[in-house]
Amino acid sequence: MKKSVIKELKGHVVNLGDVQDGATGNVRLALSVSDRRHRAAVQFFQGASFNQAWAQITDVLATTPMTSWVRIEVVQAVQRITLSQLQQKLKALPRMNYWRQGVSFDADFQTALLEMEINGHAFFKPGPQHKIGKNLSDSWIDFKAVERYLTRRNGQPAPSLVQGAHVWTFLTAGIFFDGDRVHVLNQAESSRGIRQMIDLNGELQTTIDAGEQFLHRQIKADGKFIYGYYPAQQRILSSYNTVRHFSSIYALLEAIQFTGRSTDLPQVNQALQWGIDQLTMVAGDARFVIEQRKNGTPELKLGAQAMLILALCKYQEVAHDDKFLPVLLEAYRGVTRFLQPSGRFNHVLNPDLTVKEAFRIIYYEGEITFALARLYQVTQDAEVARLVQQTLDFMVDHDYGKYHDHWLAYAINEALQIFPVNRDYMRMGLQNVYDHLTFIEQRDTAYPTLLELLNAAVKMTDVIKRTGNEDLLEPYDLGRLRLAWRQRAEHELLTGSFQPELAMYFYYPEKFIGGFFARHDNFRTRIDDCEHFLSGLINYYDYANQGVTR
């Protein structure tokens, strides 16, 4: 690494402040280096002064290639607690992988682990009774795995850690160098260790572009997706889901539209064709998406039907190719087989088209309504418009605004292009977001569908104003909505996107750039995670930057 770059990095670290422990006089620095293909190698250095500790960093950086990812952190807020206290804190965590501090098992930091060393290797594991979103994580320390790692990292046998009476927890302040630019890292708990978003638009563009490439790379030669990964555990998910196959194609097409990378369309075409060939069945003049379940009988899901229609409509829009139009019309005829006389849809059918479950999940109804509204834009078929209206009228009559469903928000927005002065739909759309706004503002985790809901809601408020229905907005605070909208977009980037400074602690870091994750599920990276994040970020960027040339 160039001396001028090392000098620049030193200046940035000094500017972090609080570099010396006021109690001991020691300066502790942590250096993480990755060649982008392997997990970061982590070293801790200490000295009686900053320059003494930095000299050791300089020696390592002098032989580090410029293309490496480098993260340098100052150890701060060291606190001794008993090992038993740490174990109790871990048991009480509401979600797995939400321990957000470093831990050393000795006072000299020979056994220190950064937060992301812990989470990137899944050293703190959830208890066997933990159910995501249902109970506490009951997390515990995998001492054997930690000891094996420390032996490998430090080049000497690690001591037995389970026998220790105390541990030392700590925070860090740090910077990340990507080979080109230096990024100061956040210290707030929810975004700790991720770059500060100084240029939100620039970060959005970079993330969306990488996200499109990542999702495109998941399409195998035959058109099937690699369903997902557990990056900390080096596991590839073996299951599959028909809804997510087609919904991921839809999001990928949105991303290709954003990036202009039309060279990726042939693989999308292949993914659509594979889905049609392998995941659908024909009954008479209608086509259905069929889920071949590992446990249980095959089934036809309304949500999957919706996603097939959405993906085919989007392909025709982006590729300017109507080759799948016959399949699209067959899928529409399949939708009518789900319809009840009341105007509500059955949610799940058996392959013989008998009803398996009248209700499974409320989101199916928003999904199919959105899909039908999009279908109308393609076909201009009055019967499709009538079905959209019938479905939304049913939702109004049955108070669907209480479900705060982002698919319903999408459906209302699309329907207002067909029925531009329907005030009942507008009222339902406002209730759909505003009754949920406090939850959105307070939600600390990545939750990409919240941004999707806000995107649709903000667009709808502008439609309401544009059509002369501003009186409907009088009970609501538009400023609060817009502020939550921007904050949520930034929050999703900070808490759910595989930025290099995070990815470097997982296996084959570069592989996950552009991916999105669910921290509470072992940093699971699944195609539908990517789908929701990408769709939300793209629609935010496009609407927030109207009138601005990219």
Protein backbone atom coordinates (compact mmCIF):
# COMPACT_ATOMS: atom_id res chain seq x y z
CA MET A 1 0.00 0.00 0.00
CA LYS A 2 1.27 3.46 -0.86
CA LYS A 3 2.82 5.51 1.94
CA SER A 4 0.56 8.44 1.04
CA VAL A 5 -2.51 6.25 1.53
CA ILE A 6 -1.23 4.92 4.87
CA LYS A 7 -0.67 8.51 5.98
CA GLU A 8 -4.20 9.43 4.90
CA LEU A 9 -5.64 6.49 6.81
CA LYS A 10 -3.74 7.53 9.92
CA GLY A 11 -5.25 10.99 9.73
CA HIS A 12 -8.76 9.56 9.50
CA VAL A 13 -8.19 7.28 12.49
CA VAL A 14 -6.86 10.17 14.58
CA ASN A 15 -9.95 12.19 13.69
CA LEU A 16 -12.14 9.51 15.23
CA GLY A 17 -11.04 10.73 18.66
CA ASP A 18 -10.99 8.87 21.98
CA VAL A 19 -8.04 6.76 20.83
CA GLN A 20 -6.40 6.28 24.23
CA ASP A 21 -7.89 4.41 27.17
CA GLY A 22 -7.97 6.99 29.95
CA ALA A 23 -7.78 4.34 32.66
CA THR A 24 -4.82 2.30 31.41
CA GLY A 25 -3.11 4.73 29.05
CA ASN A 26 -3.10 2.03 26.37
CA VAL A 27 -4.08 2.49 22.74
CA ARG A 28 -5.65 -0.55 21.12
CA LEU A 29 -6.26 -0.78 17.39
CA ALA A 30 -7.87 -3.56 15.39
CA LEU A 31 -6.90 -4.14 11.76
CA SER A 32 -9.01 -6.26 9.39
CA VAL A 33 -7.73 -7.00 5.87
CA SER A 34 -9.43 -8.99 3.11
CA ASP A 35 -8.29 -9.72 -0.42
CA ARG A 36 -12.02 -9.78 -1.31
CA ARG A 37 -11.99 -13.53 -1.87
CA HIS A 38 -11.28 -14.66 1.70
CA ARG A 39 -12.60 -13.67 5.11
CA ALA A 40 -10.80 -10.76 6.71
CA ALA A 41 -7.65 -11.51 8.69
CA VAL A 42 -7.97 -9.66 12.01
CA GLN A 43 -5.14 -8.47 14.24
CA PHE A 44 -5.17 -6.42 17.44
CA PHE A 45 -2.29 -4.05 18.21
CA GLN A 46 -1.59 -2.00 21.30
CA GLY A 47 0.93 0.50 22.52
CA ALA A 48 1.57 3.13 25.17
CA SER A 49 0.81 5.83 22.59
CA PHE A 50 -1.12 6.10 19.37
CA ASN A 51 2.07 6.35 17.29
CA GLN A 52 3.45 3.22 18.91
CA ALA A 53 0.32 1.24 18.07
CA TRP A 54 0.07 2.79 14.61
CA ALA A 55 3.66 1.82 13.76
CA GLN A 56 2.60 -1.83 13.95
CA ILE A 57 -0.35 -1.12 11.64
CA THR A 58 2.00 0.59 9.20
CA ASP A 59 4.23 -2.48 9.03
CA VAL A 60 1.28 -4.63 7.96
CA LEU A 61 -0.18 -2.11 5.51
CA ALA A 62 3.18 -1.62 3.82
CA THR A 63 2.86 -5.11 2.30
CA THR A 64 -0.93 -5.00 1.79
CA PRO A 65 -2.07 -4.71 -1.85
CA MET A 66 -3.95 -1.52 -2.74
CA THR A 67 -6.93 -3.57 -3.93
CA SER A 68 -7.52 -5.01 -0.46
CA TRP A 69 -10.41 -4.06 1.75
CA VAL A 70 -9.02 -2.56 4.96
CA ARG A 71 -10.91 -1.75 8.13
CA ILE A 72 -9.15 -0.04 11.05
CA GLU A 73 -10.86 0.41 14.40
CA VAL A 74 -10.05 2.07 17.71
CA VAL A 75 -11.06 0.04 20.75
CA GLN A 76 -13.21 2.11 23.12
CA ALA A 77 -15.44 1.76 26.18
CA VAL A 78 -13.77 -1.39 27.52
CA GLN A 79 -15.81 -2.85 30.37
CA ARG A 80 -15.10 -5.89 32.52
CA ILE A 81 -18.08 -8.09 33.36
CA THR A 82 -18.35 -11.66 34.56
CA LEU A 83 -18.61 -14.41 31.99
CA SER A 84 -21.90 -15.33 33.63
CA GLN A 85 -23.22 -11.81 33.03
CA LEU A 86 -22.31 -12.04 29.35
CA GLN A 87 -24.07 -15.38 29.08
CA GLN A 88 -27.20 -13.94 30.68
CA LYS A 89 -27.14 -10.96 28.29
CA LEU A 90 -26.91 -13.33 25.34
CA LYS A 91 -29.84 -15.40 26.56
CA ALA A 92 -31.93 -12.24 26.82
CA LEU A 93 -31.24 -11.01 23.27
CA PRO A 94 -34.52 -10.66 21.37
CA ARG A 95 -32.97 -11.86 18.10
CA MET A 96 -29.99 -13.96 17.09
CA ASN A 97 -26.91 -12.12 15.76
CA TYR A 98 -27.92 -8.94 17.62
CA TRP A 99 -24.94 -8.89 19.95
CA ARG A 100 -23.35 -5.63 18.80
CA GLN A 101 -20.11 -5.36 20.83
CA GLY A 102 -16.68 -6.86 20.76
CA VAL A 103 -15.63 -9.32 23.44
CA SER A 104 -12.21 -10.25 24.82
CA PHE A 105 -11.79 -13.27 27.03
CA ASP A 106 -8.62 -11.81 28.59
CA ALA A 107 -7.52 -8.38 29.80
CA ASP A 108 -4.62 -8.19 27.32
CA PHE A 109 -6.86 -8.70 24.27
CA GLN A 110 -5.03 -11.78 23.03
CA THR A 111 -8.43 -13.46 22.72
CA ALA A 112 -10.37 -10.38 21.61
CA LEU A 113 -13.05 -10.71 18.94
CA LEU A 114 -14.61 -7.89 17.00
CA GLU A 115 -18.39 -7.84 16.82
CA MET A 116 -18.29 -8.93 13.19
CA GLU A 117 -15.80 -11.71 13.87
CA ILE A 118 -18.42 -13.04 16.27
CA ASN A 119 -21.37 -12.62 13.92
CA GLY A 120 -19.48 -13.45 10.73
CA HIS A 121 -18.57 -16.87 12.15
CA ALA A 122 -21.82 -17.44 14.09
CA PHE A 123 -19.91 -17.90 17.36
CA PHE A 124 -22.95 -16.89 19.44
CA LYS A 125 -25.71 -19.33 18.52
CA PRO A 126 -29.45 -19.29 19.24
CA GLY A 127 -30.93 -21.76 21.67
CA PRO A 128 -32.71 -24.83 20.28
CA GLN A 129 -36.15 -23.51 21.27
CA HIS A 130 -35.69 -20.12 19.59
CA LYS A 131 -38.35 -19.25 17.03
CA ILE A 132 -37.68 -16.14 14.97
CA GLY A 133 -40.01 -13.34 15.96
CA LYS A 134 -41.70 -15.46 18.63
CA ASN A 135 -39.38 -15.60 21.64
CA LEU A 136 -35.98 -14.58 22.98
CA SER A 137 -32.92 -15.93 21.18
CA ASP A 138 -31.54 -17.75 24.25
CA SER A 139 -28.12 -17.37 22.62
CA TRP A 140 -25.03 -19.18 23.87
CA ILE A 141 -21.29 -19.10 23.20
CA ASP A 142 -19.82 -21.85 21.05
CA PHE A 143 -16.56 -21.94 23.01
CA LYS A 144 -15.04 -24.77 20.95
CA ALA A 145 -15.59 -22.89 17.67
CA VAL A 146 -14.12 -19.71 19.16
CA GLU A 147 -11.06 -21.57 20.43
CA ARG A 148 -10.46 -23.23 17.06
CA TYR A 149 -10.71 -19.86 15.35
CA LEU A 150 -8.37 -18.10 17.80
CA THR A 151 -5.82 -20.90 17.42
CA ARG A 152 -5.89 -20.43 13.66
CA ARG A 153 -5.92 -16.61 13.82
CA ASN A 154 -3.17 -16.21 16.42
CA GLY A 155 -0.95 -19.10 15.30
CA GLN A 156 -0.84 -20.67 18.76
CA PRO A 157 -3.19 -22.82 20.84
CA ALA A 158 -5.99 -20.84 22.43
CA PRO A 159 -6.60 -21.20 26.15
CA SER A 160 -9.76 -22.80 27.44
CA LEU A 161 -12.24 -19.93 27.47
CA VAL A 162 -15.09 -21.53 29.37
CA GLN A 163 -13.03 -21.49 32.57
CA GLY A 164 -12.59 -17.70 32.64
CA ALA A 165 -14.26 -15.68 35.37
CA HIS A 166 -14.45 -12.42 33.43
CA VAL A 167 -14.71 -11.05 29.92
CA TRP A 168 -14.09 -7.55 28.57
CA THR A 169 -16.70 -6.04 26.27
CA PHE A 170 -15.86 -3.08 24.06
CA LEU A 171 -17.07 -0.78 21.32
CA THR A 172 -15.07 0.53 18.38
CA ALA A 173 -14.90 3.59 16.16
CA GLY A 174 -13.45 2.97 12.75
CA ILE A 175 -12.84 3.59 9.08
CA PHE A 176 -12.98 1.42 5.99
CA PHE A 177 -10.83 1.71 2.86
CA ASP A 178 -12.19 0.08 -0.29
CA GLY A 179 -9.06 0.55 -2.39
CA ASP A 180 -10.25 3.93 -3.59
CA ARG A 181 -12.08 5.87 -0.88
CA VAL A 182 -12.10 6.08 2.91
CA HIS A 183 -15.44 5.69 4.68
CA VAL A 184 -16.03 6.61 8.31
CA LEU A 185 -18.09 3.93 10.04
CA ASN A 186 -21.27 4.48 12.02
CA GLN A 187 -21.35 3.95 15.78
CA ALA A 188 -25.12 3.95 16.39
CA GLU A 189 -26.22 0.47 17.50
CA SER A 190 -28.48 -0.41 14.56
CA SER A 191 -25.94 0.70 11.93
CA ARG A 192 -22.71 0.04 13.83
CA GLY A 193 -19.73 -0.71 11.64
CA ILE A 194 -21.39 0.41 8.37
CA ARG A 195 -20.28 3.48 6.43
CA GLN A 196 -21.88 6.83 7.09
CA MET A 197 -24.19 7.66 4.19
CA ILE A 198 -22.71 11.04 3.25
CA ASP A 199 -23.96 10.78 -0.35
CA LEU A 200 -27.24 8.88 -0.12
CA ASN A 201 -28.01 9.07 -3.84
CA GLY A 202 -24.56 7.83 -4.74
CA GLU A 203 -24.77 4.96 -2.26
CA LEU A 204 -28.22 4.04 -3.58
CA GLN A 205 -27.01 3.94 -7.17
CA THR A 206 -23.99 1.81 -6.25
CA THR A 207 -26.06 -0.58 -4.14
CA ILE A 208 -28.83 -0.98 -6.72
CA ASP A 209 -26.32 -1.57 -9.50
CA ALA A 210 -24.52 -4.21 -7.42
CA GLY A 211 -27.87 -5.67 -6.37
CA GLU A 212 -28.95 -6.15 -9.97
CA GLN A 213 -25.70 -7.94 -10.73
CA PHE A 214 -25.99 -10.12 -7.62
CA LEU A 215 -29.55 -11.24 -8.35
CA HIS A 216 -28.68 -11.84 -12.00
CA ARG A 217 -25.73 -14.03 -10.94
CA GLN A 218 -28.11 -16.26 -8.99
CA ILE A 219 -29.78 -17.46 -12.21
CA LYS A 220 -28.25 -20.78 -13.20
CA ALA A 221 -27.81 -21.89 -16.81
CA ASP A 222 -31.17 -23.67 -16.87
CA GLY A 223 -33.04 -20.62 -15.50
CA LYS A 224 -33.53 -21.75 -11.92
CA PHE A 225 -32.23 -19.46 -9.16
CA ILE A 226 -29.73 -20.33 -6.50
CA TYR A 227 -32.31 -19.85 -3.76
CA GLY A 228 -30.04 -18.38 -1.10
CA TYR A 229 -27.20 -18.68 1.39
CA TYR A 230 -26.28 -18.64 5.04
CA PRO A 231 -22.97 -16.78 4.59
CA ALA A 232 -21.70 -17.23 8.16
CA GLN A 233 -22.12 -20.98 7.89
CA GLN A 234 -21.06 -21.41 4.25
CA ARG A 235 -24.39 -23.05 3.48
CA ILE A 236 -26.47 -22.92 0.31
CA LEU A 237 -30.23 -23.21 0.78
CA SER A 238 -31.61 -26.31 -0.87
CA SER A 239 -35.33 -25.47 -0.73
CA TYR A 240 -37.26 -23.53 -3.36
CA ASN A 241 -40.43 -21.44 -3.59
CA THR A 242 -42.56 -20.75 -6.65
CA VAL A 243 -43.84 -17.38 -5.44
CA ARG A 244 -40.29 -16.14 -4.88
CA HIS A 245 -39.06 -17.43 -8.24
CA PHE A 246 -41.43 -15.15 -10.13
CA SER A 247 -41.35 -12.24 -7.67
CA SER A 248 -37.54 -12.19 -7.89
CA ILE A 249 -37.76 -12.05 -11.68
CA TYR A 250 -40.09 -9.05 -11.32
CA ALA A 251 -37.62 -7.23 -9.06
CA LEU A 252 -34.68 -8.12 -11.32
CA LEU A 253 -36.53 -6.60 -14.26
CA GLU A 254 -37.09 -3.42 -12.23
CA ALA A 255 -33.35 -3.36 -11.53
CA ILE A 256 -32.43 -3.91 -15.20
CA GLN A 257 -34.76 -1.05 -16.07
CA PHE A 258 -32.87 1.10 -13.54
CA THR A 259 -29.35 0.11 -14.61
CA GLY A 260 -30.04 -0.14 -18.33
CA ARG A 261 -28.13 -3.43 -18.37
CA SER A 262 -30.24 -4.99 -21.13
CA THR A 263 -27.56 -7.62 -21.76
CA ASP A 264 -28.98 -9.42 -18.73
CA LEU A 265 -32.40 -9.88 -20.32
CA PRO A 266 -31.62 -13.22 -22.02
CA GLN A 267 -31.00 -14.84 -18.62
CA VAL A 268 -34.27 -13.34 -17.32
CA ASN A 269 -36.01 -14.82 -20.36
CA GLN A 270 -34.46 -18.18 -19.45
CA ALA A 271 -35.63 -17.85 -15.83
CA LEU A 272 -39.17 -17.09 -16.98
CA GLN A 273 -39.17 -20.01 -19.40
CA TRP A 274 -37.84 -22.38 -16.74
CA GLY A 275 -40.54 -21.20 -14.34
CA ILE A 276 -43.27 -21.68 -16.93
CA ASP A 277 -41.98 -25.14 -17.86
CA GLN A 278 -41.22 -26.42 -14.37
CA LEU A 279 -43.51 -24.51 -12.00
CA THR A 280 -46.82 -24.24 -13.85
CA MET A 281 -49.59 -26.55 -15.04
CA VAL A 282 -52.37 -26.10 -17.60
CA ALA A 283 -55.99 -27.02 -16.92
CA GLY A 284 -58.25 -26.38 -19.89
CA ASP A 285 -57.60 -22.85 -21.14
CA ALA A 286 -56.02 -21.71 -17.87
CA ARG A 287 -52.50 -21.85 -16.44
CA PHE A 288 -51.64 -22.16 -12.77
CA VAL A 289 -48.43 -21.95 -10.77
CA ILE A 290 -48.09 -25.22 -8.87
CA GLU A 291 -46.03 -25.70 -5.73
CA GLN A 292 -44.60 -29.20 -5.33
CA ARG A 293 -44.24 -29.33 -1.56
CA LYS A 294 -41.68 -31.52 0.20
CA ASN A 295 -44.20 -32.37 2.89
CA GLY A 296 -47.78 -32.48 1.77
CA THR A 297 -49.73 -32.42 -1.45
CA PRO A 298 -49.10 -30.04 -4.38
CA GLU A 299 -51.03 -26.78 -4.29
CA LEU A 300 -51.93 -23.73 -6.35
CA LYS A 301 -51.36 -20.47 -4.48
CA LEU A 302 -53.05 -17.17 -5.34
CA GLY A 303 -49.86 -15.28 -4.47
CA ALA A 304 -47.83 -17.33 -6.93
CA GLN A 305 -50.44 -16.67 -9.63
CA ALA A 306 -50.06 -12.95 -8.95
CA MET A 307 -46.28 -13.07 -9.20
CA LEU A 308 -46.36 -14.93 -12.50
CA ILE A 309 -48.62 -12.23 -13.95
CA LEU A 310 -46.47 -9.42 -12.56
CA ALA A 311 -43.25 -10.96 -13.91
CA LEU A 312 -44.73 -11.51 -17.38
CA CYS A 313 -46.16 -7.97 -17.53
CA LYS A 314 -42.85 -6.49 -16.43
CA TYR A 315 -40.90 -8.54 -18.94
CA GLN A 316 -43.10 -7.29 -21.76
CA GLU A 317 -42.61 -3.70 -20.56
CA VAL A 318 -38.82 -3.86 -20.13
CA ALA A 319 -37.88 -6.21 -22.99
CA HIS A 320 -40.45 -4.82 -25.46
CA ASP A 321 -41.25 -8.44 -26.27
CA ASP A 322 -44.75 -9.93 -26.14
CA LYS A 323 -43.68 -13.54 -26.67
CA PHE A 324 -45.17 -14.54 -23.30
CA LEU A 325 -48.53 -12.84 -23.90
CA PRO A 326 -50.38 -16.15 -24.50
CA VAL A 327 -49.03 -17.47 -21.18
CA LEU A 328 -50.04 -14.23 -19.49
CA LEU A 329 -53.63 -14.57 -20.70
CA GLU A 330 -53.72 -18.21 -19.59
CA ALA A 331 -52.52 -17.11 -16.13
CA TYR A 332 -55.29 -14.50 -16.00
CA ARG A 333 -57.89 -17.14 -16.81
CA GLY A 334 -56.43 -19.15 -13.94
CA VAL A 335 -57.06 -16.24 -11.56
CA THR A 336 -60.80 -16.41 -12.17
CA ARG A 337 -60.84 -19.98 -10.79
CA PHE A 338 -59.82 -18.59 -7.37
CA LEU A 339 -62.71 -16.11 -7.23
CA GLN A 340 -65.62 -16.50 -4.82
CA PRO A 341 -69.11 -15.12 -5.62
CA SER A 342 -68.64 -12.59 -2.80
CA GLY A 343 -65.76 -10.91 -4.64
CA ARG A 344 -63.12 -12.38 -2.36
CA PHE A 345 -60.50 -14.83 -3.57
CA ASN A 346 -59.80 -18.30 -2.29
CA HIS A 347 -56.13 -18.42 -1.36
CA VAL A 348 -55.06 -22.00 -2.12
CA LEU A 349 -56.48 -24.57 -4.50
CA ASN A 350 -55.74 -28.24 -5.03
CA PRO A 351 -54.46 -29.31 -8.46
CA ASP A 352 -58.01 -30.45 -9.33
CA LEU A 353 -59.11 -26.81 -8.66
CA THR A 354 -61.07 -27.64 -5.52
CA VAL A 355 -60.53 -25.29 -2.58
CA LYS A 356 -57.73 -26.33 -0.25
CA GLU A 357 -57.65 -23.20 1.94
CA ALA A 358 -60.04 -20.28 1.59
CA PHE A 359 -57.60 -18.16 3.60
CA ARG A 360 -53.86 -18.46 4.20
CA ILE A 361 -52.27 -15.01 4.32
CA ILE A 362 -53.85 -11.62 3.77
CA TYR A 363 -51.09 -10.41 1.44
CA TYR A 364 -52.23 -12.73 -1.36
CA GLU A 365 -55.21 -10.46 -2.00
CA GLY A 366 -53.13 -7.30 -2.35
CA GLU A 367 -50.73 -9.16 -4.60
CA ILE A 368 -53.40 -10.39 -6.99
CA THR A 369 -55.12 -7.00 -7.11
CA PHE A 370 -51.84 -5.30 -7.98
CA ALA A 371 -51.14 -7.95 -10.62
CA LEU A 372 -54.56 -7.49 -12.21
CA ALA A 373 -54.14 -3.71 -12.28
CA ARG A 374 -50.79 -4.16 -14.03
CA LEU A 375 -52.39 -6.65 -16.41
CA TYR A 376 -54.99 -4.05 -17.35
CA GLN A 377 -52.20 -1.67 -18.39
CA VAL A 378 -51.04 -4.36 -20.84
CA THR A 379 -54.38 -5.61 -22.18
CA GLN A 380 -56.77 -2.68 -21.63
CA ASP A 381 -59.40 -5.39 -21.10
CA ALA A 382 -62.53 -3.94 -19.48
CA GLU A 383 -63.23 -7.25 -17.76
CA VAL A 384 -59.85 -7.05 -15.99
CA ALA A 385 -60.66 -3.52 -14.84
CA ARG A 386 -64.03 -4.70 -13.57
CA LEU A 387 -62.33 -7.44 -11.55
CA VAL A 388 -59.87 -4.94 -10.06
CA GLN A 389 -62.78 -2.72 -9.05
CA GLN A 390 -64.78 -5.61 -7.61
CA THR A 391 -61.81 -6.73 -5.52
CA LEU A 392 -60.97 -3.28 -4.18
CA ASP A 393 -64.62 -2.57 -3.39
CA PHE A 394 -64.65 -5.78 -1.35
CA MET A 395 -61.52 -4.60 0.47
CA VAL A 396 -63.08 -1.20 1.23
CA ASP A 397 -66.23 -2.84 2.57
CA HIS A 398 -64.15 -5.15 4.79
CA ASP A 399 -61.71 -2.54 6.14
CA TYR A 400 -58.52 -3.88 4.53
CA GLY A 401 -56.72 -0.63 5.35
CA LYS A 402 -56.06 -2.08 8.81
CA TYR A 403 -53.61 -4.63 7.38
CA HIS A 404 -50.85 -2.10 6.45
CA ASP A 405 -49.99 -4.22 3.39
CA HIS A 406 -47.45 -2.87 0.91
CA TRP A 407 -49.03 -4.96 -1.86
CA LEU A 408 -52.38 -3.29 -1.21
CA ALA A 409 -50.62 0.09 -1.40
CA TYR A 410 -49.15 -0.87 -4.77
CA ALA A 411 -52.58 -2.05 -5.92
CA ILE A 412 -54.32 1.18 -4.91
CA ASN A 413 -51.71 3.29 -6.68
CA GLU A 414 -52.07 1.28 -9.85
CA ALA A 415 -55.88 1.26 -9.59
CA LEU A 416 -55.98 5.04 -9.24
CA GLN A 417 -54.66 5.19 -12.80
CA ILE A 418 -57.80 3.31 -13.86
CA PHE A 419 -60.24 4.92 -11.40
CA PRO A 420 -58.57 8.29 -10.71
CA VAL A 421 -61.32 9.80 -8.53
CA ASN A 422 -62.25 6.89 -6.29
CA ARG A 423 -62.07 8.47 -2.85
CA ASP A 424 -62.81 5.20 -1.05
CA TYR A 425 -59.60 3.71 -2.41
CA MET A 426 -57.71 6.82 -1.35
CA ARG A 427 -59.08 6.65 2.19
CA MET A 428 -58.16 2.97 2.46
CA GLY A 429 -54.65 3.71 1.20
CA LEU A 430 -54.14 6.47 3.78
CA GLN A 431 -55.32 4.26 6.62
CA ASN A 432 -53.08 1.48 5.32
CA VAL A 433 -49.93 3.53 5.99
CA TYR A 434 -50.80 6.03 8.72
CA ASP A 435 -52.12 3.43 11.16
CA HIS A 436 -48.70 1.78 10.86
CA LEU A 437 -46.49 4.88 10.82
CA THR A 438 -45.41 4.78 14.47
CA PHE A 439 -44.29 1.16 14.05
CA ILE A 440 -42.34 2.13 10.93
CA GLU A 441 -40.62 5.04 12.69
CA GLN A 442 -39.60 2.90 15.66
CA ARG A 443 -38.61 -0.31 13.86
CA ASP A 444 -34.88 -0.82 14.42
CA THR A 445 -34.35 -3.80 12.12
CA ALA A 446 -34.10 -3.95 8.36
CA TYR A 447 -37.66 -4.45 7.13
CA PRO A 448 -37.69 -3.77 3.38
CA THR A 449 -41.44 -4.05 2.87
CA LEU A 450 -41.85 -0.97 5.09
CA LEU A 451 -39.97 1.09 2.52
CA GLU A 452 -42.12 -0.42 -0.22
CA LEU A 453 -45.23 0.64 1.72
CA LEU A 454 -43.88 4.17 2.19
CA ASN A 455 -42.95 4.48 -1.49
CA ALA A 456 -46.49 3.67 -2.55
CA ALA A 457 -48.04 5.87 0.12
CA VAL A 458 -45.98 8.94 -0.78
CA LYS A 459 -46.89 8.51 -4.46
CA MET A 460 -50.54 8.15 -3.52
CA THR A 461 -50.59 11.38 -1.50
CA ASP A 462 -49.37 13.21 -4.59
CA VAL A 463 -52.11 11.59 -6.69
CA ILE A 464 -54.66 12.68 -4.09
CA LYS A 465 -53.44 16.27 -4.32
CA ARG A 466 -53.19 16.20 -8.09
CA THR A 467 -56.79 15.02 -8.48
CA GLY A 468 -58.26 17.67 -6.20
CA ASN A 469 -58.92 15.47 -3.19
CA GLU A 470 -56.67 17.26 -0.71
CA ASP A 471 -59.42 17.36 1.92
CA LEU A 472 -58.73 13.64 2.50
CA LEU A 473 -55.24 14.54 3.71
CA GLU A 474 -56.34 17.05 6.36
CA PRO A 475 -56.27 14.55 9.27
CA TYR A 476 -52.72 13.48 8.41
CA ASP A 477 -49.18 14.89 8.70
CA LEU A 478 -47.55 14.73 5.25
CA GLY A 479 -44.24 16.02 6.59
CA ARG A 480 -44.02 13.15 9.02
CA LEU A 481 -44.67 10.68 6.20
CA ARG A 482 -41.98 12.17 3.97
CA LEU A 483 -39.44 12.23 6.79
CA ALA A 484 -40.12 8.58 7.65
CA TRP A 485 -39.78 7.77 3.95
CA ARG A 486 -36.24 9.14 3.61
CA GLN A 487 -35.13 7.78 6.97
CA ARG A 488 -36.38 4.33 6.05
CA ALA A 489 -34.49 4.30 2.75
CA GLU A 490 -31.24 5.12 4.54
CA HIS A 491 -32.03 2.65 7.31
CA GLU A 492 -32.48 -0.22 4.85
CA LEU A 493 -29.06 0.47 3.33
CA LEU A 494 -27.44 0.60 6.76
CA THR A 495 -29.05 -2.49 8.23
CA GLY A 496 -29.73 -4.89 5.37
CA SER A 497 -27.20 -4.39 2.59
CA PHE A 498 -23.96 -6.34 2.23
CA GLN A 499 -21.59 -3.38 2.10
CA PRO A 500 -17.93 -4.45 1.72
CA GLU A 501 -17.05 -3.43 5.30
CA LEU A 502 -19.55 -6.04 6.50
CA ALA A 503 -19.18 -8.70 3.79
CA MET A 504 -15.43 -8.95 4.46
CA TYR A 505 -16.11 -11.04 7.58
CA PHE A 506 -17.98 -13.79 5.68
CA TYR A 507 -16.69 -16.49 3.38
CA TYR A 508 -15.85 -15.31 -0.16
CA PRO A 509 -16.81 -11.69 0.68
CA GLU A 510 -16.92 -10.36 -2.87
CA LYS A 511 -19.57 -12.96 -3.76
CA PHE A 512 -22.10 -11.25 -1.49
CA ILE A 513 -21.64 -7.65 -2.63
CA GLY A 514 -25.03 -6.58 -3.92
CA GLY A 515 -26.80 -9.10 -1.72
CA PHE A 516 -29.20 -8.24 1.08
CA PHE A 517 -29.65 -10.11 4.32
CA ALA A 518 -31.85 -10.90 7.30
CA ARG A 519 -29.53 -10.46 10.30
CA HIS A 520 -31.96 -12.19 12.66
CA ASP A 521 -31.79 -15.39 10.57
CA ASN A 522 -28.01 -15.98 10.47
CA PHE A 523 -27.57 -13.21 7.89
CA ARG A 524 -29.70 -15.24 5.50
CA THR A 525 -29.36 -14.00 1.93
CA ARG A 526 -32.27 -15.27 -0.12
CA ILE A 527 -33.57 -14.18 -3.52
CA ASP A 528 -36.72 -12.73 -1.97
CA ASP A 529 -34.62 -10.71 0.49
CA CYS A 530 -32.89 -9.21 -2.53
CA GLU A 531 -36.22 -8.75 -4.28
CA HIS A 532 -37.83 -6.66 -1.54
CA PHE A 533 -34.76 -4.53 -0.83
CA LEU A 534 -34.10 -3.85 -4.51
CA SER A 535 -37.68 -2.97 -5.32
CA GLY A 536 -37.94 -0.62 -2.36
CA LEU A 537 -34.65 1.15 -3.01
CA ILE A 538 -35.29 1.52 -6.75
CA ASN A 539 -38.75 2.97 -6.29
CA TYR A 540 -37.48 5.29 -3.57
CA TYR A 541 -34.64 6.57 -5.73
CA ASP A 542 -36.78 7.07 -8.82
CA TYR A 543 -39.55 8.96 -7.04
CA ALA A 544 -37.28 10.99 -4.76
CA ASN A 545 -35.25 12.13 -7.77
CA GLN A 546 -37.98 13.08 -10.21
CA GLY A 547 -36.79 15.81 -12.50
CA VAL A 548 -33.14 15.07 -11.76
CA THR A 549 -30.90 13.60 -14.45
CA ARG A 550 -29.01 10.56 -13.23
